[in-house]
N, C-alpha and C. Protein backbone atom coordinates (compact mmCIF):
# COMPACT_ATOMS: atom_id res chain seq x y z
N UNK A 1 11.76 85.20 29.50
CA UNK A 1 11.53 86.77 29.84
C UNK A 1 11.63 87.07 30.83
N UNK A 2 12.16 88.45 31.35
CA UNK A 2 12.42 88.80 32.49
C UNK A 2 11.69 89.95 32.64
N UNK A 3 11.44 89.89 33.85
CA UNK A 3 10.39 91.23 34.64
C UNK A 3 11.25 92.49 34.99
N UNK A 4 11.26 93.41 34.66
CA UNK A 4 12.33 94.67 35.24
C UNK A 4 11.76 94.33 36.83
N UNK A 5 13.28 95.04 37.17
CA UNK A 5 12.84 95.10 38.82
C UNK A 5 13.77 94.09 40.12
N UNK A 6 13.16 92.43 39.03
CA UNK A 6 13.32 91.42 39.71
C UNK A 6 14.42 90.84 39.03
N UNK A 7 15.67 90.85 40.27
CA UNK A 7 17.02 89.61 40.25
C UNK A 7 17.34 88.69 39.08
N UNK A 8 17.40 88.08 37.88
CA UNK A 8 17.54 87.04 37.44
C UNK A 8 18.55 85.81 37.93
N UNK A 9 18.29 84.72 37.94
CA UNK A 9 19.14 83.97 38.37
C UNK A 9 20.36 83.72 37.34
N UNK A 10 21.60 83.44 38.17
CA UNK A 10 22.18 83.33 36.26
C UNK A 10 22.04 81.88 35.71
N UNK A 11 21.79 82.68 34.37
CA UNK A 11 21.85 81.35 33.22
C UNK A 11 23.34 80.58 32.93
N UNK A 12 23.66 79.74 33.37
CA UNK A 12 25.12 79.25 32.96
C UNK A 12 25.11 77.89 31.89
N UNK A 13 26.03 78.20 31.87
CA UNK A 13 25.94 76.82 30.22
C UNK A 13 26.30 74.99 31.04
N UNK A 14 25.40 74.03 30.41
CA UNK A 14 25.72 72.22 30.76
C UNK A 14 27.05 72.64 31.50
N UNK A 15 27.25 71.94 32.14
CA UNK A 15 28.54 71.59 32.94
C UNK A 15 29.99 72.24 33.51
N UNK A 16 29.49 73.74 33.28
CA UNK A 16 29.71 75.19 34.51
C UNK A 16 30.06 75.30 36.06
N UNK A 17 30.82 75.25 35.99
CA UNK A 17 30.84 75.08 37.63
C UNK A 17 30.88 76.53 38.34
N UNK A 18 30.35 77.15 39.10
CA UNK A 18 30.07 78.46 39.51
C UNK A 18 30.89 78.53 40.57
N UNK A 19 31.65 79.54 41.24
CA UNK A 19 32.63 79.58 41.35
C UNK A 19 32.56 79.32 43.42
N UNK A 20 31.72 79.33 43.50
CA UNK A 20 31.39 78.81 45.10
C UNK A 20 30.95 77.26 45.15
N UNK A 21 30.98 76.68 44.11
CA UNK A 21 31.15 75.06 44.56
C UNK A 21 32.56 74.76 43.66
N UNK A 22 33.44 74.93 43.20
CA UNK A 22 34.71 75.04 42.51
C UNK A 22 35.60 74.18 43.66
N UNK A 23 35.77 74.65 44.85
CA UNK A 23 36.56 74.27 46.00
C UNK A 23 36.02 72.88 46.26
N UNK A 24 34.32 72.70 46.48
CA UNK A 24 34.43 71.74 46.85
C UNK A 24 34.47 70.31 45.60
N UNK A 25 33.84 70.77 44.29
CA UNK A 25 34.58 70.05 43.39
C UNK A 25 35.93 70.13 43.48
N UNK A 26 37.08 70.62 43.80
CA UNK A 26 38.33 70.44 43.21
C UNK A 26 38.84 68.87 45.01
N UNK A 27 38.17 68.88 46.14
CA UNK A 27 37.81 68.10 46.90
C UNK A 27 37.42 66.38 46.55
N UNK A 28 36.29 66.90 46.19
CA UNK A 28 36.52 65.34 45.22
C UNK A 28 37.18 64.71 44.55
N UNK A 29 37.42 65.76 43.77
CA UNK A 29 38.46 65.17 42.57
C UNK A 29 39.76 64.64 43.06
N UNK A 30 40.37 65.52 44.16
CA UNK A 30 41.25 64.94 45.05
C UNK A 30 41.11 64.23 46.00
N UNK A 31 40.23 64.19 46.41
CA UNK A 31 39.94 62.79 47.56
C UNK A 31 40.33 61.46 47.23
N UNK A 32 40.76 61.23 45.28
CA UNK A 32 41.58 59.69 45.56
C UNK A 32 42.14 59.19 46.55
N UNK A 33 42.98 60.81 46.51
CA UNK A 33 44.65 60.82 47.17
C UNK A 33 44.52 59.88 48.82
N UNK A 34 43.24 59.96 49.24
CA UNK A 34 43.75 59.17 50.44
C UNK A 34 43.63 57.60 50.47
N UNK A 35 43.55 57.33 49.00
CA UNK A 35 44.51 55.92 48.96
C UNK A 35 46.26 55.84 48.64
N UNK A 36 46.75 56.84 49.18
CA UNK A 36 48.52 57.23 49.72
C UNK A 36 48.12 56.80 51.13
N UNK A 37 47.24 56.88 51.72
CA UNK A 37 46.63 56.76 53.30
C UNK A 37 46.29 55.07 53.60
N UNK A 38 45.25 54.73 52.67
CA UNK A 38 44.87 53.59 52.78
C UNK A 38 45.12 52.69 51.82
N UNK A 39 46.04 52.34 51.44
CA UNK A 39 45.92 51.62 50.82
C UNK A 39 44.36 50.44 50.14
N UNK A 40 45.13 50.17 48.63
CA UNK A 40 43.29 49.00 48.01
C UNK A 40 42.41 49.72 48.52
N UNK A 41 41.56 50.62 49.38
CA UNK A 41 40.41 50.97 49.43
C UNK A 41 40.30 52.63 49.99
N UNK A 42 41.48 53.24 50.33
CA UNK A 42 41.15 54.92 50.68
C UNK A 42 40.96 55.02 48.84
N UNK A 43 41.61 54.99 48.00
CA UNK A 43 40.54 55.75 47.04
C UNK A 43 39.50 56.04 46.31
N UNK A 44 38.68 54.63 47.26
CA UNK A 44 37.80 54.58 46.47
C UNK A 44 36.54 55.31 48.10
N UNK A 45 36.89 54.85 49.12
CA UNK A 45 36.68 55.86 50.07
C UNK A 45 36.65 56.99 50.33
N UNK A 46 37.36 58.00 49.48
CA UNK A 46 37.64 59.64 49.74
C UNK A 46 36.50 59.95 48.60
N UNK A 47 36.64 59.54 47.70
CA UNK A 47 35.41 59.90 46.60
C UNK A 47 33.73 59.65 46.83
N UNK A 48 34.14 58.66 47.53
CA UNK A 48 32.37 58.34 48.56
C UNK A 48 32.36 59.56 49.77
N UNK A 49 33.00 59.93 50.17
CA UNK A 49 32.80 60.20 51.27
C UNK A 49 32.47 61.74 51.44
N UNK A 50 33.76 62.31 49.77
CA UNK A 50 33.28 63.31 49.75
C UNK A 50 31.57 63.72 48.74
N UNK A 51 31.68 62.56 48.48
CA UNK A 51 30.32 63.06 47.01
C UNK A 51 29.55 62.56 48.50
N UNK A 52 29.05 61.75 49.33
CA UNK A 52 28.04 61.74 50.39
C UNK A 52 28.03 63.18 50.79
N UNK A 53 29.81 64.01 51.09
CA UNK A 53 29.72 64.92 52.11
C UNK A 53 28.68 66.27 50.92
N UNK A 54 29.06 65.91 50.08
CA UNK A 54 28.40 67.13 49.37
C UNK A 54 27.61 67.07 48.21
N UNK A 55 26.79 66.23 48.18
CA UNK A 55 25.77 66.14 47.35
C UNK A 55 24.73 66.27 47.24
N UNK A 56 24.13 67.20 48.00
CA UNK A 56 23.11 67.70 48.47
C UNK A 56 23.34 69.63 48.51
N UNK A 57 24.25 69.21 48.19
CA UNK A 57 24.97 70.97 48.26
C UNK A 57 24.41 71.92 46.59
N UNK A 58 24.73 71.04 45.76
CA UNK A 58 24.73 71.57 44.21
C UNK A 58 24.23 70.08 43.08
N UNK A 59 23.54 70.26 42.84
CA UNK A 59 23.54 69.52 41.32
C UNK A 59 24.66 69.26 40.27
N UNK A 60 25.95 70.14 40.69
CA UNK A 60 26.76 69.84 39.71
C UNK A 60 28.03 68.96 40.45
N UNK A 61 27.73 69.63 42.03
CA UNK A 61 28.98 68.77 42.71
C UNK A 61 28.65 67.01 43.31
N UNK A 62 26.66 67.09 42.89
CA UNK A 62 26.38 65.67 42.82
C UNK A 62 27.31 64.58 41.76
N UNK A 63 26.99 65.66 40.37
CA UNK A 63 27.39 64.83 39.17
C UNK A 63 29.65 65.03 39.21
N UNK A 64 30.04 65.52 39.72
CA UNK A 64 30.95 65.64 40.01
C UNK A 64 31.68 64.43 40.98
N UNK A 65 30.84 64.15 41.80
CA UNK A 65 30.85 63.05 42.47
C UNK A 65 30.69 61.79 42.52
N UNK A 66 29.62 61.39 41.31
CA UNK A 66 29.67 60.55 40.90
C UNK A 66 30.56 59.73 40.19
N UNK A 67 31.05 60.84 39.53
CA UNK A 67 31.60 60.62 38.34
C UNK A 67 33.20 60.33 38.99
N UNK A 68 32.89 61.07 39.77
CA UNK A 68 34.68 60.67 40.70
C UNK A 68 34.53 59.39 41.13
N UNK A 69 34.21 59.03 41.67
CA UNK A 69 33.63 57.71 42.41
C UNK A 69 32.98 56.98 41.56
N UNK A 70 32.52 56.73 40.40
CA UNK A 70 32.48 56.03 39.44
C UNK A 70 34.30 55.01 38.60
N UNK A 71 34.61 56.75 38.19
CA UNK A 71 35.79 56.40 38.18
C UNK A 71 37.22 55.08 38.71
N UNK A 72 36.68 55.51 40.26
CA UNK A 72 38.14 55.02 40.98
C UNK A 72 37.85 53.78 41.02
N UNK A 73 35.92 53.51 41.35
CA UNK A 73 35.62 52.44 41.41
C UNK A 73 35.62 50.76 39.66
N UNK A 74 36.28 51.72 38.31
CA UNK A 74 36.11 50.97 37.56
C UNK A 74 37.68 50.82 37.78
N UNK A 75 38.56 51.88 37.98
CA UNK A 75 39.64 50.95 38.15
C UNK A 75 40.19 50.36 39.27
N UNK A 76 39.16 50.38 40.43
CA UNK A 76 40.03 49.24 41.28
C UNK A 76 39.29 47.80 40.40
N UNK A 77 38.72 47.57 39.55
CA UNK A 77 38.24 46.81 39.45
C UNK A 77 38.64 45.79 38.09
N UNK A 78 39.16 47.19 37.31
CA UNK A 78 40.09 47.12 36.21
C UNK A 78 41.66 46.03 37.15
N UNK A 79 41.55 46.97 38.21
CA UNK A 79 43.09 46.13 38.82
C UNK A 79 42.63 45.21 39.52
N UNK A 80 41.79 44.49 39.79
CA UNK A 80 41.35 43.59 40.29
C UNK A 80 41.41 42.46 39.15
N UNK A 81 41.10 42.84 38.11
CA UNK A 81 40.36 41.59 36.76
C UNK A 81 42.29 41.73 36.37
N UNK A 82 43.10 42.77 36.46
CA UNK A 82 44.49 42.90 36.12
C UNK A 82 45.54 41.41 36.90
N UNK A 83 44.92 41.44 38.35
CA UNK A 83 45.63 40.49 39.24
C UNK A 83 45.32 39.47 39.05
N UNK A 84 43.69 39.24 38.55
CA UNK A 84 43.57 37.95 38.47
C UNK A 84 44.33 37.05 37.59
N UNK A 85 44.41 37.71 36.26
CA UNK A 85 44.60 37.31 34.71
C UNK A 85 46.54 37.09 35.28
N UNK A 86 46.51 38.07 35.81
CA UNK A 86 48.33 37.76 35.67
C UNK A 86 48.64 36.48 37.32
N UNK A 87 47.48 36.36 38.39
CA UNK A 87 47.48 34.93 39.02
C UNK A 87 47.01 33.56 38.57
N UNK A 88 46.37 33.74 36.95
CA UNK A 88 45.92 32.29 36.73
C UNK A 88 46.88 32.27 35.71
N UNK A 89 47.40 33.48 35.06
CA UNK A 89 48.88 32.67 34.01
C UNK A 89 49.98 32.23 35.21
N UNK A 90 49.93 33.46 36.27
CA UNK A 90 51.59 32.26 36.89
C UNK A 90 50.99 30.95 37.31
N UNK A 91 50.11 31.09 37.74
CA UNK A 91 49.92 29.85 37.93
C UNK A 91 49.90 28.53 36.98
N UNK A 92 49.24 29.06 36.11
CA UNK A 92 49.87 28.01 34.41
C UNK A 92 51.02 27.65 34.71
N UNK A 93 52.03 28.28 34.62
CA UNK A 93 53.43 28.75 34.66
C UNK A 93 54.07 27.65 35.69
N UNK A 94 53.38 27.61 36.93
CA UNK A 94 54.17 26.73 38.11
C UNK A 94 53.45 25.52 37.73
N UNK A 95 52.08 24.95 37.19
CA UNK A 95 51.43 23.83 37.17
C UNK A 95 52.53 23.05 36.14
N UNK A 96 52.31 24.26 34.79
CA UNK A 96 53.06 23.44 33.77
C UNK A 96 54.78 22.98 34.59
N UNK A 97 55.22 23.74 35.29
CA UNK A 97 56.50 23.46 35.46
C UNK A 97 56.53 22.09 36.29
N UNK A 98 55.33 21.87 37.42
CA UNK A 98 55.30 21.21 38.12
C UNK A 98 55.07 19.53 37.32
N UNK A 99 54.43 20.05 36.25
CA UNK A 99 53.64 18.20 35.62
C UNK A 99 55.56 18.16 34.18
N UNK A 100 55.73 19.18 34.43
CA UNK A 100 57.00 18.62 33.35
C UNK A 100 57.73 18.09 34.40
N UNK A 101 58.54 18.86 35.80
CA UNK A 101 58.95 18.40 36.22
C UNK A 101 59.10 16.49 36.52
N UNK A 102 57.12 15.94 36.91
CA UNK A 102 56.84 15.35 37.07
C UNK A 102 57.23 14.03 36.13
N UNK A 103 57.22 14.66 34.96
CA UNK A 103 56.96 13.60 33.51
C UNK A 103 58.16 13.03 33.21
N UNK A 104 59.21 14.27 34.34
CA UNK A 104 60.55 13.76 33.24
C UNK A 104 61.25 14.86 32.67
N UNK A 105 60.23 15.37 31.85
CA UNK A 105 60.82 16.17 31.55
C UNK A 105 61.24 17.75 32.21
N UNK A 106 62.33 17.90 33.11
CA UNK A 106 62.70 19.48 33.74
C UNK A 106 63.56 20.23 32.95
N UNK A 107 63.58 20.14 31.91
CA UNK A 107 63.41 21.37 30.79
C UNK A 107 62.35 22.19 31.03
N UNK A 108 61.14 21.29 30.10
CA UNK A 108 59.89 21.78 30.19
C UNK A 108 59.39 22.21 31.24
N UNK A 109 59.86 21.19 32.13
CA UNK A 109 59.39 22.58 33.07
C UNK A 109 59.98 23.70 34.19
N UNK A 110 61.42 24.14 33.39
CA UNK A 110 61.86 25.02 33.65
C UNK A 110 61.33 26.43 32.54
N UNK A 111 61.37 25.83 31.00
CA UNK A 111 60.62 26.26 30.14
C UNK A 111 59.01 27.34 30.68
N UNK A 112 58.52 26.57 31.71
CA UNK A 112 56.83 27.17 32.25
C UNK A 112 57.15 28.11 32.87
N UNK A 113 58.16 27.78 34.48
CA UNK A 113 58.79 28.47 34.92
C UNK A 113 58.40 30.02 34.52
N UNK A 114 60.23 29.24 33.50
CA UNK A 114 60.93 31.00 33.39
C UNK A 114 59.79 32.13 32.82
N UNK A 115 59.15 31.56 32.26
CA UNK A 115 58.17 31.34 31.38
C UNK A 115 56.79 32.72 31.88
N UNK A 116 56.44 31.88 33.21
CA UNK A 116 55.47 32.67 34.18
C UNK A 116 56.36 33.97 34.97
N UNK A 117 58.05 34.08 34.89
CA UNK A 117 58.30 34.93 35.10
C UNK A 117 58.22 36.17 34.05
N UNK A 118 58.52 35.39 33.06
CA UNK A 118 58.61 36.85 32.12
C UNK A 118 56.96 36.92 31.62
N UNK A 119 55.77 35.71 31.93
CA UNK A 119 54.57 37.14 32.30
C UNK A 119 54.33 38.44 33.43
N UNK A 120 54.92 38.04 34.55
CA UNK A 120 54.89 38.70 35.65
C UNK A 120 56.10 40.13 35.05
N UNK A 121 57.16 39.74 34.36
CA UNK A 121 57.69 40.95 33.54
C UNK A 121 57.15 42.05 32.86
N UNK A 122 56.65 41.45 31.75
CA UNK A 122 56.25 41.52 30.98
C UNK A 122 55.34 41.90 30.90
N UNK A 123 54.12 42.16 32.05
CA UNK A 123 52.59 41.89 31.89
C UNK A 123 52.13 42.36 33.12
N UNK A 124 52.74 42.10 33.97
CA UNK A 124 52.16 42.20 35.09
C UNK A 124 52.63 43.90 35.56
N UNK A 125 54.31 43.90 35.64
CA UNK A 125 54.63 44.97 35.87
C UNK A 125 54.34 46.63 35.16
N UNK A 126 54.16 45.91 33.95
CA UNK A 126 53.90 47.52 33.34
C UNK A 126 51.98 47.74 33.32
N UNK A 127 51.27 46.65 33.51
CA UNK A 127 49.85 46.68 33.65
C UNK A 127 49.46 47.77 35.06
N UNK A 128 50.62 47.38 36.44
CA UNK A 128 50.57 48.20 37.11
C UNK A 128 50.69 49.25 37.74
N UNK A 129 51.89 49.66 36.36
CA UNK A 129 52.13 50.78 36.73
C UNK A 129 51.21 51.67 35.44
N UNK A 130 50.74 51.26 34.91
CA UNK A 130 49.58 51.97 34.00
C UNK A 130 48.80 52.09 34.97
N UNK A 131 48.48 50.87 35.50
CA UNK A 131 46.88 51.22 36.22
C UNK A 131 47.37 52.31 37.61
N UNK A 132 48.74 52.69 37.97
CA UNK A 132 49.01 53.77 39.35
C UNK A 132 48.65 54.86 38.11
N UNK A 133 49.93 55.10 37.09
CA UNK A 133 50.08 56.03 36.63
C UNK A 133 48.53 56.76 35.89
N UNK A 134 47.21 56.17 35.02
CA UNK A 134 46.87 56.61 34.35
C UNK A 134 45.84 57.01 35.14
N UNK A 135 45.16 56.68 36.92
CA UNK A 135 44.22 57.77 37.32
C UNK A 135 45.38 58.66 38.50
N UNK A 136 46.29 58.73 38.61
CA UNK A 136 46.48 60.04 38.88
C UNK A 136 46.88 60.78 37.97
N UNK A 137 47.00 60.81 36.76
CA UNK A 137 47.46 61.72 35.48
C UNK A 137 45.63 62.16 35.30
N UNK A 138 44.95 61.26 34.65
CA UNK A 138 43.14 61.71 35.09
C UNK A 138 42.59 62.48 36.25
N UNK A 139 43.19 62.31 37.05
CA UNK A 139 42.69 63.33 38.52
C UNK A 139 43.37 64.02 38.43
N UNK A 140 44.72 64.19 37.48
CA UNK A 140 45.38 65.95 37.31
C UNK A 140 44.68 66.61 36.76
N UNK A 141 44.19 66.13 35.60
CA UNK A 141 43.72 67.00 34.61
C UNK A 141 42.16 67.13 35.00
N UNK A 142 41.30 66.87 35.68
CA UNK A 142 40.13 66.84 36.82
C UNK A 142 40.27 67.58 37.40
N UNK A 143 41.07 67.73 38.06
CA UNK A 143 41.23 69.09 39.02
C UNK A 143 41.66 70.41 37.88
N UNK A 144 41.99 70.33 37.03
CA UNK A 144 42.34 71.28 35.66
C UNK A 144 41.25 72.04 35.06
N UNK A 145 40.51 70.70 34.91
CA UNK A 145 39.20 71.55 34.41
C UNK A 145 38.32 72.21 35.09
N UNK A 146 38.50 71.33 36.59
CA UNK A 146 37.72 72.29 37.60
C UNK A 146 37.53 73.06 38.28
N UNK A 147 39.20 73.54 37.92
CA UNK A 147 39.88 74.99 38.70
C UNK A 147 39.67 75.73 37.68
N UNK A 148 38.84 76.01 36.02
CA UNK A 148 38.54 76.86 35.11
C UNK A 148 36.75 76.95 35.24
N UNK A 149 36.35 75.96 36.17
CA UNK A 149 34.96 76.25 36.24
C UNK A 149 33.99 75.59 35.18
N UNK A 150 34.79 74.26 34.69
CA UNK A 150 34.25 73.37 33.39
C UNK A 150 33.91 71.81 34.31
N UNK A 151 33.02 71.08 34.47
CA UNK A 151 32.90 69.43 34.68
C UNK A 151 33.51 68.68 33.92
N UNK A 152 33.82 67.85 34.91
CA UNK A 152 35.04 67.06 34.11
C UNK A 152 34.26 65.23 33.54
N UNK A 153 34.42 64.72 32.65
CA UNK A 153 33.97 63.03 32.78
C UNK A 153 35.65 62.26 32.41
N UNK A 154 35.35 61.55 32.73
CA UNK A 154 36.65 60.87 33.20
C UNK A 154 36.62 59.66 32.08
N UNK A 155 37.37 59.32 31.37
CA UNK A 155 37.72 58.10 30.17
C UNK A 155 37.44 56.86 30.99
N UNK A 156 37.13 55.72 30.23
CA UNK A 156 37.05 54.68 30.48
C UNK A 156 36.22 54.68 31.42
N UNK A 157 35.26 55.12 32.06
CA UNK A 157 34.69 55.13 33.46
C UNK A 157 33.61 54.13 33.61
N UNK A 158 32.93 53.12 34.12
CA UNK A 158 31.91 52.77 34.04
C UNK A 158 30.92 53.35 34.94
N UNK A 159 29.53 53.52 34.39
CA UNK A 159 28.69 54.29 35.01
C UNK A 159 28.20 53.03 36.36
N UNK A 160 28.70 52.60 37.06
CA UNK A 160 27.87 52.08 38.48
C UNK A 160 27.13 52.70 39.66
N UNK A 161 27.37 54.20 39.34
CA UNK A 161 26.23 54.95 39.91
C UNK A 161 25.84 55.80 38.72
N UNK A 162 24.31 56.11 38.63
CA UNK A 162 24.12 56.90 38.08
C UNK A 162 23.49 58.13 38.54
């Protein structure tokens, strides 16, 4: 119900980012690039700092900040788990090689050692490339979507912060 003579607040569709909030939202979504300067933690510290700086300005900035931070925390967790899995596989290969050599079967030891190297080249390097490129591509998609005035939801994101 509108009263004549009174200004009406603009009604926006859910997920719409007003023009005034687009630049801060772009800063939030580009903040993981801090990981290029501070490896291992910059991609998480950037969105955290941007979210803390902008979350009180507008609800949409709070939402987009949580979204970017949750995605970067998820990527960090996925990277940690891939690294842990690689370490376990490589260690098992080295242990198998040591046990094979200790039991007098050097062929078995060599097979286990080369198996662990194959795990490195067949599993760890491709997984590392995906974990490096996927967040970059998704971040660019987020920037494009926010620039168009639409909120972005990251795929494969665990909602740590609600």
